[in-house]
Protein backbone atom coordinates (compact mmCIF):
# COMPACT_ATOMS: atom_id res chain seq x y z
CA MET A 1 -2.76 -20.86 -0.41
CA SER A 2 -1.02 -20.50 -3.77
CA ILE A 3 1.86 -18.07 -4.26
CA VAL A 4 1.81 -15.88 -7.37
CA PRO A 5 5.18 -16.59 -9.03
CA PRO A 6 7.55 -13.61 -9.35
CA ASP A 7 7.33 -13.73 -13.14
CA GLN A 8 3.57 -13.06 -12.82
CA LEU A 9 4.03 -9.99 -10.66
CA HIS A 10 4.62 -6.65 -12.34
CA TYR A 11 7.41 -4.87 -10.48
CA ARG A 12 10.08 -2.21 -10.92
CA LEU A 13 13.48 -2.17 -9.23
CA LEU A 14 14.73 1.42 -9.23
CA GLY A 15 17.68 3.37 -7.90
CA LEU A 16 21.00 1.94 -6.75
CA GLN A 17 22.01 -1.58 -7.68
CA LEU A 18 21.33 -4.29 -5.13
CA SER A 19 25.09 -4.87 -5.06
CA SER A 20 25.52 -1.39 -3.53
CA GLY A 21 25.05 -2.85 -0.08
CA LYS A 22 22.38 -0.26 0.78
CA THR A 23 19.20 -1.61 2.37
CA PRO A 24 16.39 -1.59 -0.22
CA LEU A 25 13.08 0.20 0.27
CA VAL A 26 9.91 -1.77 -0.57
CA LEU A 27 6.72 0.19 -1.28
CA LEU A 28 3.35 -1.59 -0.99
CA HIS A 29 0.26 0.16 -2.36
CA GLY A 30 -3.22 0.00 -0.87
CA VAL A 31 -6.36 -1.76 -2.09
CA MET A 32 -7.14 -0.99 -5.76
CA GLY A 33 -3.72 0.63 -6.10
CA PHE A 34 -0.68 -0.20 -8.21
CA ALA A 35 3.06 0.50 -8.30
CA ALA A 36 2.77 3.86 -10.06
CA ASN A 37 0.90 5.26 -7.02
CA TRP A 38 4.34 5.81 -5.49
CA GLY A 39 5.48 8.16 -8.26
CA LYS A 40 5.96 11.06 -5.83
CA VAL A 41 7.95 8.94 -3.39
CA TRP A 42 10.51 6.71 -5.04
CA PRO A 43 12.46 9.50 -6.85
CA ALA A 44 13.39 10.93 -3.44
CA PHE A 45 15.16 7.71 -2.44
CA THR A 46 16.79 6.26 -5.58
CA GLU A 47 20.10 8.08 -5.11
CA GLU A 48 20.64 6.49 -1.72
CA ARG A 49 19.23 2.95 -2.03
CA PRO A 50 17.44 0.42 -4.29
CA VAL A 51 13.65 0.89 -4.37
CA LEU A 52 11.17 -1.88 -5.20
CA THR A 53 7.60 -1.11 -6.27
CA LEU A 54 5.11 -3.69 -7.46
CA ASP A 55 1.53 -4.35 -8.46
CA GLN A 56 0.37 -6.82 -5.84
CA ARG A 57 -1.78 -9.82 -6.79
CA GLY A 58 -5.15 -8.85 -8.26
CA HIS A 59 -3.90 -5.34 -9.03
CA GLY A 60 -2.53 -3.55 -12.07
CA ARG A 61 -0.58 -5.75 -14.46
CA SER A 62 0.01 -8.62 -12.04
CA ALA A 63 -1.75 -12.00 -12.01
CA LYS A 64 -5.33 -12.00 -10.76
CA PRO A 65 -6.16 -15.34 -9.12
CA ALA A 66 -9.80 -16.06 -8.33
CA THR A 67 -9.12 -16.36 -4.59
CA GLY A 68 -6.39 -15.73 -2.07
CA TYR A 69 -6.50 -12.10 -0.96
CA SER A 70 -5.65 -12.26 2.73
CA PRO A 71 -2.67 -10.36 4.16
CA THR A 72 -0.85 -13.68 4.37
CA ASP A 73 -1.36 -14.36 0.64
CA TYR A 74 0.07 -10.99 -0.27
CA ALA A 75 2.96 -11.40 2.20
CA GLU A 76 3.89 -14.81 0.79
CA ASP A 77 3.99 -13.30 -2.71
CA LEU A 78 6.34 -10.59 -1.51
CA LYS A 79 8.63 -13.10 0.19
CA ALA A 80 8.87 -15.12 -3.04
CA LEU A 81 9.64 -11.97 -5.04
CA LEU A 82 12.36 -10.84 -2.62
CA ASP A 83 13.93 -14.30 -2.74
CA HIS A 84 13.80 -14.17 -6.54
CA LEU A 85 15.60 -10.81 -6.52
CA GLY A 86 18.10 -11.85 -3.88
CA ILE A 87 16.85 -9.36 -1.27
CA SER A 88 17.14 -10.75 2.26
CA ASN A 89 16.57 -7.54 4.26
CA ALA A 90 14.59 -4.40 3.45
CA HIS A 91 12.70 -1.43 4.81
CA ILE A 92 9.00 -2.24 4.29
CA VAL A 93 6.48 0.57 3.69
CA GLY A 94 2.74 -0.04 3.31
CA HIS A 95 -0.12 2.35 2.61
CA SER A 96 -3.61 1.52 3.88
CA MET A 97 -4.27 -2.15 3.10
CA GLY A 98 -0.66 -2.37 1.99
CA GLY A 99 0.14 -1.63 5.62
CA ARG A 100 -1.76 -4.73 6.72
CA VAL A 101 0.32 -6.71 4.21
CA ALA A 102 3.52 -5.09 5.46
CA LEU A 103 2.60 -5.88 9.06
CA ARG A 104 1.88 -9.53 8.23
CA PHE A 105 5.12 -9.77 6.24
CA CYS A 106 7.12 -8.44 9.20
CA SER A 107 5.35 -10.90 11.48
CA LEU A 108 5.91 -13.94 9.26
CA PHE A 109 9.41 -13.08 8.04
CA PRO A 110 11.00 -10.85 10.70
CA ASN A 111 14.55 -11.35 9.44
CA TYR A 112 13.60 -9.84 6.09
CA ALA A 113 12.39 -6.55 7.56
CA ARG A 114 14.83 -3.98 8.91
CA SER A 115 11.97 -1.57 9.61
CA LEU A 116 8.25 -1.11 9.08
CA THR A 117 6.39 2.04 8.02
CA LEU A 118 2.59 2.10 8.17
CA GLU A 119 1.06 4.98 6.21
CA ASP A 120 -2.46 5.74 7.40
CA SER A 121 -2.93 2.06 8.11
CA GLY A 122 -4.54 0.93 11.35
CA VAL A 123 -4.45 -2.32 13.30
CA GLU A 124 -7.86 -2.22 14.96
CA PRO A 125 -10.79 -3.99 13.25
CA GLY A 126 -13.10 -1.93 11.06
CA ALA A 127 -16.27 -3.78 10.12
CA GLY A 128 -17.51 -1.02 7.82
CA GLY A 129 -14.67 -1.36 5.33
CA VAL A 130 -16.40 -3.79 2.97
CA LYS A 131 -19.59 -1.72 2.79
CA TRP A 132 -17.52 1.40 2.12
CA LEU A 133 -15.64 -0.27 -0.74
CA GLU A 134 -18.75 -1.82 -2.26
CA GLY A 135 -20.51 1.54 -2.13
CA LEU A 136 -17.55 3.30 -3.69
CA LEU A 137 -17.32 0.85 -6.59
CA ALA A 138 -21.09 0.83 -7.07
CA GLY A 139 -20.93 4.58 -7.61
CA VAL A 140 -18.78 4.16 -10.72
CA PRO A 141 -20.73 2.63 -13.68
CA ALA A 142 -17.80 0.62 -15.05
CA PRO A 143 -17.30 -0.70 -17.63
CA PHE A 144 -17.54 2.46 -19.71
CA ALA A 145 -18.00 2.26 -23.46
CA ASN A 146 -14.69 4.05 -23.95
CA ARG A 147 -12.16 6.40 -22.34
CA ASP A 148 -14.11 9.53 -23.30
CA GLU A 149 -17.25 8.29 -21.57
CA ALA A 150 -15.23 7.66 -18.39
CA LYS A 151 -13.61 11.09 -18.62
CA ALA A 152 -17.04 12.73 -18.90
CA PHE A 153 -18.29 10.82 -15.85
CA PHE A 154 -15.40 11.83 -13.61
CA ALA A 155 -15.61 15.44 -14.79
CA THR A 156 -18.98 15.73 -13.05
CA HIS A 157 -18.66 13.28 -10.17
CA PHE A 158 -16.36 13.22 -7.12
CA LEU A 159 -16.16 17.02 -7.22
CA ASP A 160 -16.18 17.03 -3.42
CA ASP A 161 -13.40 14.42 -3.31
CA PRO A 162 -11.20 14.94 -6.40
CA LEU A 163 -8.31 12.86 -5.04
CA THR A 164 -10.46 9.74 -4.76
CA GLY A 165 -11.94 10.47 -8.18
CA SER A 166 -8.48 10.74 -9.73
CA PHE A 167 -7.39 7.55 -7.97
CA LEU A 168 -10.39 5.63 -9.32
CA GLN A 169 -10.04 7.04 -12.82
CA ALA A 170 -6.37 5.99 -12.88
CA ASN A 171 -7.54 2.45 -12.11
CA LEU A 172 -9.40 2.13 -15.40
CA GLU A 173 -7.86 0.76 -18.58
CA THR A 174 -8.91 -0.15 -22.12
CA LYS A 175 -9.78 -3.82 -22.42
CA PRO A 176 -9.42 -5.98 -25.57
CA ASP A 177 -13.09 -5.38 -26.42
CA GLY A 178 -12.47 -1.63 -26.38
CA LYS A 179 -14.37 -0.99 -23.15
CA PHE A 180 -12.86 1.01 -20.31
CA ASP A 181 -12.93 -1.09 -17.14
CA TRP A 182 -11.14 -1.69 -13.83
CA ARG A 183 -7.50 -2.75 -14.01
CA PHE A 184 -7.90 -4.61 -10.70
CA TYR A 185 -9.84 -7.82 -9.94
CA LYS A 186 -12.99 -6.50 -8.27
CA PRO A 187 -13.96 -9.62 -6.24
CA GLY A 188 -10.40 -9.78 -4.98
CA MET A 189 -10.63 -6.22 -3.69
CA ILE A 190 -13.71 -7.09 -1.63
CA GLU A 191 -11.96 -10.17 -0.22
CA THR A 192 -8.87 -8.07 0.54
CA VAL A 193 -10.85 -5.69 2.73
CA ARG A 194 -12.90 -8.45 4.33
CA THR A 195 -9.83 -10.46 5.38
CA GLY A 196 -7.65 -7.47 6.16
CA ARG A 197 -9.34 -4.43 7.65
CA ALA A 198 -11.96 -6.53 9.44
CA THR A 199 -9.23 -8.41 11.33
CA ASP A 200 -7.94 -7.32 14.73
CA ALA A 201 -4.17 -7.02 14.29
CA GLN A 202 -3.35 -5.29 17.57
CA GLU A 203 -1.65 -8.27 19.21
CA GLU A 204 0.29 -8.99 16.03
CA PHE A 205 1.45 -5.37 15.94
CA ARG A 206 2.52 -5.40 19.59
CA ALA A 207 4.53 -8.58 19.03
CA LEU A 208 6.68 -7.08 16.27
CA THR A 209 10.27 -6.17 17.04
CA GLN A 210 11.11 -3.98 14.03
CA PRO A 211 11.49 -0.21 14.47
CA THR A 212 8.19 1.20 13.21
CA LEU A 213 7.00 4.53 11.86
CA VAL A 214 3.27 5.29 11.91
CA VAL A 215 2.35 8.07 9.49
CA HIS A 216 -1.08 9.60 10.09
CA GLY A 217 -2.87 12.06 7.83
CA ALA A 218 -4.32 14.79 10.04
CA ARG A 219 -7.51 14.91 7.94
CA SER A 220 -7.80 11.15 7.48
CA THR A 221 -11.15 9.43 7.96
CA HIS A 222 -9.50 5.98 7.70
CA LEU A 223 -7.10 6.17 10.64
CA SER A 224 -8.18 8.23 13.62
CA ALA A 225 -5.76 10.28 15.69
CA ALA A 226 -6.76 8.21 18.71
CA GLU A 227 -5.90 4.89 17.07
CA ALA A 228 -2.61 6.29 15.74
CA SER A 229 -1.73 7.35 19.29
CA ARG A 230 -2.61 3.91 20.65
CA MET A 231 -0.32 2.35 18.04
CA ALA A 232 2.53 4.66 19.05
CA ALA A 233 2.07 3.61 22.68
CA ALA A 234 1.84 -0.11 21.91
CA ARG A 235 5.58 -0.75 22.21
CA PRO A 236 8.76 1.27 22.75
CA ASN A 237 10.16 1.35 19.21
CA VAL A 238 7.18 2.99 17.46
CA ALA A 239 7.38 6.59 16.24
CA LEU A 240 4.34 8.61 15.17
CA THR A 241 4.29 11.39 12.59
CA THR A 242 1.09 13.31 11.89
CA VAL A 243 1.15 15.14 8.56
CA GLU A 244 -0.94 18.29 8.45
CA GLY A 245 -2.98 18.99 5.34
CA ALA A 246 -3.15 15.31 4.41
CA GLY A 247 -6.01 12.85 4.38
CA HIS A 248 -5.68 9.14 3.67
CA PHE A 249 -3.27 9.46 0.73
CA VAL A 250 -0.49 11.14 2.69
CA HIS A 251 2.26 10.31 0.20
CA ALA A 252 0.26 11.85 -2.65
CA GLU A 253 -1.26 14.83 -0.86
CA GLN A 254 1.82 15.93 1.08
CA SER A 255 4.67 14.09 -0.62
CA VAL A 256 7.43 16.45 0.55
CA ALA A 257 6.47 16.02 4.20
CA PHE A 258 5.94 12.27 3.81
CA ASN A 259 9.31 11.77 2.11
CA ALA A 260 11.08 13.86 4.72
CA ALA A 261 9.55 11.88 7.59
CA LEU A 262 10.39 8.54 5.97
CA LYS A 263 13.93 9.63 5.09
CA ALA A 264 14.59 10.80 8.68
CA PHE A 265 13.17 7.55 10.08
CA LEU A 266 15.32 5.36 7.82
CA ALA A 267 18.42 7.37 8.67
CA ASP A 268 17.71 6.94 12.38
CA VAL A 269 17.18 3.19 12.02
CA GLU A 270 20.39 2.75 10.03
CA ALA A 271 22.40 4.88 12.46
CA LYS A 272 21.66 2.49 15.34
């Protein structure tokens, strides 16, 4: 395992200064995501605490190693970045695959995590994840010749799932040769899902001691209501919030409700 050095990770530290004494909030995006995915979340928290967002390895503007995309790899990167910034305790939030990273981080480095929030991120194994991702990426004929060609494609595809279409389109960028291609490292995304979602993390989740919030999108096809309920019952300090009108991207689809639930949870944790 090789850690991606902090100077090769693209990150933003927003809100209050670390010297404020307020516990920072760390936001971890899902597979194929990047820091800007949290644009509807971090502004709601910057007046009360520092907020850290980052492009994890293989994503966005961060380094893209050829291998090393397990939850442990990602968690080790985060630990190195927090040490670099002088953050020794934080509230950790992870969406989807970012939740698997957050869970592993809390397991490996419990003293660094004051709380854990899993947004539409399960702990039971899901063997179909890799096929789903491969099918999704195969449906987008990247690289495109240019931005206009990509725009024309997305204008006629994903009409039945515009949120996913917008998410994928936002993950394309102009390369040095002028073509419009993925900003993430595609083989790394496949490895991420294979080593993350396919793994049974139920025992690991039950062994955690951090106060935990499970956020479930009522319309989600990624995390079932039944699994979310089993997670809430796994140990005493787990709270469950189901957000109506939201699918998998709860923080994007219902940002007001998501922010309110997270804010209330953090306040409760810090009051104890």
